[in-house]
Amino acid sequence: MVRITYKTMVKRKIRIPEIARLSSKGQIVIPKVIRDALKLEPGMPLAVDVSRGMIIMKPIRSPIEEEDLRVLEEVGKAWNEIEKGEYRRAKVEDFLRELKKW
C-alpha cells in the first residue's frame, strides 16, 4: 500500500474526499460542501444502493422517479410476504381492483 501525505495531495491537486461518520442510529451527515455542490435540500429523497463495497447515493429530483421507487418498495414488500407465506388468494377481479389503488 502506498501512503501519501496531505501536503502531497494538495500539491498534486489530488481531490481529497470528505469524511462522514455513521451515528448509532445509522444516520450519516452529508458534508456541507457536497450538499451545496449537489444542491441538496433538507427532506430531499435520495436513492441509496451498494456497489463494489461502496455506498452510492443519488438525489431524486423528479416526482415520477420518486413514485417509481415507492412502487418498487411495495413490490419488494409483497415478495417478502410471499416468501414468508403471508399472502391471500384473490379472484382476478379483486386483484385488479386492488392493483388500481396503487
Foldseek 3Di string as FASTA:
>chain_A
DDDDDPVVCVVVVPDDDDDWDQDPVRDTDDDPVVCVVVVPDPPFDWDWDDDPRDIDIHTDDDPVVVVVVVVVVVVVVVVVCVVVVNDDDDDPVVVVVVVVVD
